[in-house]
C-alpha atoms as a PDB file:
ATOM      1  CA  MET A   1       1.217  50.435  37.812  1.00  0.00           C
ATOM      2  CA  ILE A   2       2.411  53.622  36.122  1.00  0.00           C
ATOM      3  CA  LYS A   3      -0.075  56.452  35.898  1.00  0.00           C
ATOM      4  CA  THR A   4      -0.941  57.616  32.379  1.00  0.00           C
ATOM      5  CA  LYS A   5       0.175  61.172  33.127  1.00  0.00           C
ATOM      6  CA  TYR A   6       3.798  59.959  33.235  1.00  0.00           C
ATOM      7  CA  LEU A   7       3.765  58.455  29.741  1.00  0.00           C
ATOM      8  CA  ASN A   8       6.010  60.438  27.385  1.00  0.00           C
ATOM      9  CA  THR A   9       7.026  62.756  30.244  1.00  0.00           C
ATOM     10  CA  MET A  10      10.609  64.020  30.268  1.00  0.00           C
ATOM     11  CA  SER A  11      12.191  62.986  33.539  1.00  0.00           C
ATOM     12  CA  THR A  12      15.502  62.889  35.388  1.00  0.00           C
ATOM     13  CA  LEU A  13      17.205  59.955  37.086  1.00  0.00           C
ATOM     14  CA  ILE A  14      19.314  61.039  40.063  1.00  0.00           C
ATOM     15  CA  LEU A  15      22.080  59.108  41.808  1.00  0.00           C
ATOM     16  CA  HIS A  16      22.364  59.839  45.541  1.00  0.00           C
ATOM     17  CA  ASP A  17      25.579  59.685  47.551  1.00  0.00           C
ATOM     18  CA  ASP A  18      25.948  56.150  48.839  1.00  0.00           C
ATOM     19  CA  ASP A  19      27.991  55.129  51.877  1.00  0.00           C
ATOM     20  CA  THR A  20      26.841  51.511  51.586  1.00  0.00           C
ATOM     21  CA  ASN A  21      28.052  50.455  48.137  1.00  0.00           C
ATOM     22  CA  SER A  22      31.618  50.618  46.874  1.00  0.00           C
ATOM     23  CA  SER A  23      32.608  53.130  44.223  1.00  0.00           C
ATOM     24  CA  LEU A  24      33.538  50.202  41.992  1.00  0.00           C
ATOM     25  CA  LYS A  25      30.039  48.693  42.240  1.00  0.00           C
ATOM     26  CA  ILE A  26      28.424  52.038  41.407  1.00  0.00           C
ATOM     27  CA  LYS A  27      30.892  52.636  38.554  1.00  0.00           C
ATOM     28  CA  VAL A  28      30.145  49.221  37.028  1.00  0.00           C
ATOM     29  CA  ALA A  29      26.402  49.892  37.357  1.00  0.00           C
ATOM     30  CA  LEU A  30      26.673  53.271  35.619  1.00  0.00           C
ATOM     31  CA  ILE A  31      28.667  51.682  32.810  1.00  0.00           C
ATOM     32  CA  SER A  32      26.353  48.698  32.326  1.00  0.00           C
ATOM     33  CA  ILE A  33      22.967  50.332  32.994  1.00  0.00           C
ATOM     34  CA  CYS A  34      23.463  53.854  31.608  1.00  0.00           C
ATOM     35  CA  GLU A  35      26.225  52.996  29.110  1.00  0.00           C
ATOM     36  CA  TYR A  36      28.638  55.509  30.644  1.00  0.00           C
ATOM     37  CA  GLU A  37      32.308  55.610  29.726  1.00  0.00           C
ATOM     38  CA  PRO A  38      34.494  54.660  32.728  1.00  0.00           C
ATOM     39  CA  ASN A  39      35.817  58.200  33.274  1.00  0.00           C
ATOM     40  CA  ALA A  40      32.304  59.703  33.083  1.00  0.00           C
ATOM     41  CA  ALA A  41      31.064  57.169  35.632  1.00  0.00           C
ATOM     42  CA  LEU A  42      33.879  58.089  37.999  1.00  0.00           C
ATOM     43  CA  GLN A  43      33.120  61.808  37.588  1.00  0.00           C
ATOM     44  CA  CYS A  44      29.450  61.183  38.489  1.00  0.00           C
ATOM     45  CA  ILE A  45      30.482  59.305  41.608  1.00  0.00           C
ATOM     46  CA  LEU A  46      32.776  62.135  42.690  1.00  0.00           C
ATOM     47  CA  ILE A  47      30.065  64.736  42.094  1.00  0.00           C
ATOM     48  CA  ALA A  48      27.534  62.680  44.071  1.00  0.00           C
ATOM     49  CA  GLU A  49      30.029  62.372  46.936  1.00  0.00           C
ATOM     50  CA  GLY A  50      30.633  66.128  46.945  1.00  0.00           C
ATOM     51  CA  ARG A  51      27.102  67.416  46.375  1.00  0.00           C
ATOM     52  CA  GLY A  52      25.071  64.538  47.770  1.00  0.00           C
ATOM     53  CA  LYS A  53      23.488  63.720  44.406  1.00  0.00           C
ATOM     54  CA  VAL A  54      23.983  64.006  40.655  1.00  0.00           C
ATOM     55  CA  ASN A  55      21.717  63.769  37.611  1.00  0.00           C
ATOM     56  CA  ILE A  56      22.781  60.676  35.696  1.00  0.00           C
ATOM     57  CA  LYS A  57      20.222  60.502  32.887  1.00  0.00           C
ATOM     58  CA  GLU A  58      17.394  62.530  31.388  1.00  0.00           C
ATOM     59  CA  GLY A  59      14.732  61.176  29.102  1.00  0.00           C
ATOM     60  CA  ASP A  60      11.389  59.465  28.825  1.00  0.00           C
ATOM     61  CA  PHE A  61       9.845  58.481  32.181  1.00  0.00           C
ATOM     62  CA  ILE A  62       9.150  54.891  31.125  1.00  0.00           C
ATOM     63  CA  GLU A  63      12.742  54.358  29.960  1.00  0.00           C
ATOM     64  CA  LEU A  64      14.168  55.855  33.143  1.00  0.00           C
ATOM     65  CA  PHE A  65      11.736  53.876  35.304  1.00  0.00           C
ATOM     66  CA  ALA A  66      13.218  50.684  33.864  1.00  0.00           C
ATOM     67  CA  LEU A  67      16.761  51.934  34.547  1.00  0.00           C
ATOM     68  CA  GLN A  68      15.834  52.879  38.107  1.00  0.00           C
ATOM     69  CA  ASN A  69      14.570  49.335  38.673  1.00  0.00           C
ATOM     70  CA  GLU A  70      17.952  47.975  37.585  1.00  0.00           C
ATOM     71  CA  PHE A  71      19.721  50.217  40.102  1.00  0.00           C
ATOM     72  CA  GLU A  72      17.202  49.176  42.764  1.00  0.00           C
ATOM     73  CA  GLU A  73      18.003  45.507  42.161  1.00  0.00           C
ATOM     74  CA  LEU A  74      21.622  46.364  43.017  1.00  0.00           C
ATOM     75  CA  ASN A  75      20.550  48.375  46.110  1.00  0.00           C
ATOM     76  CA  ILE A  76      21.971  51.584  44.624  1.00  0.00           C
ATOM     77  CA  ASN A  77      20.051  54.659  45.774  1.00  0.00           C
ATOM     78  CA  THR A  78      18.470  56.548  42.861  1.00  0.00           C
ATOM     79  CA  GLU A  79      15.478  58.831  42.502  1.00  0.00           C
ATOM     80  CA  LEU A  80      13.256  59.404  39.487  1.00  0.00           C
ATOM     81  CA  ILE A  81      11.837  62.903  39.072  1.00  0.00           C
ATOM     82  CA  ALA A  82       9.000  63.366  36.563  1.00  0.00           C
END
């Protein structure tokens, strides 16, 4: 259950560098879940590989929580910061 304090809270969804999943799988997920353009998805992957993580979406906590669940179903490592 989501605590009330997170409702309408601006949050950030972060993609962590992933040695388990292929770049193609992560790229397809970014395109389908976050509606990224293919080149933007590839840039995010490269940044995550170089820095260890990259912010992929900012917005309402509830919206991002749902997106994080979609990534989780694909076993792609993300983090939601409120």
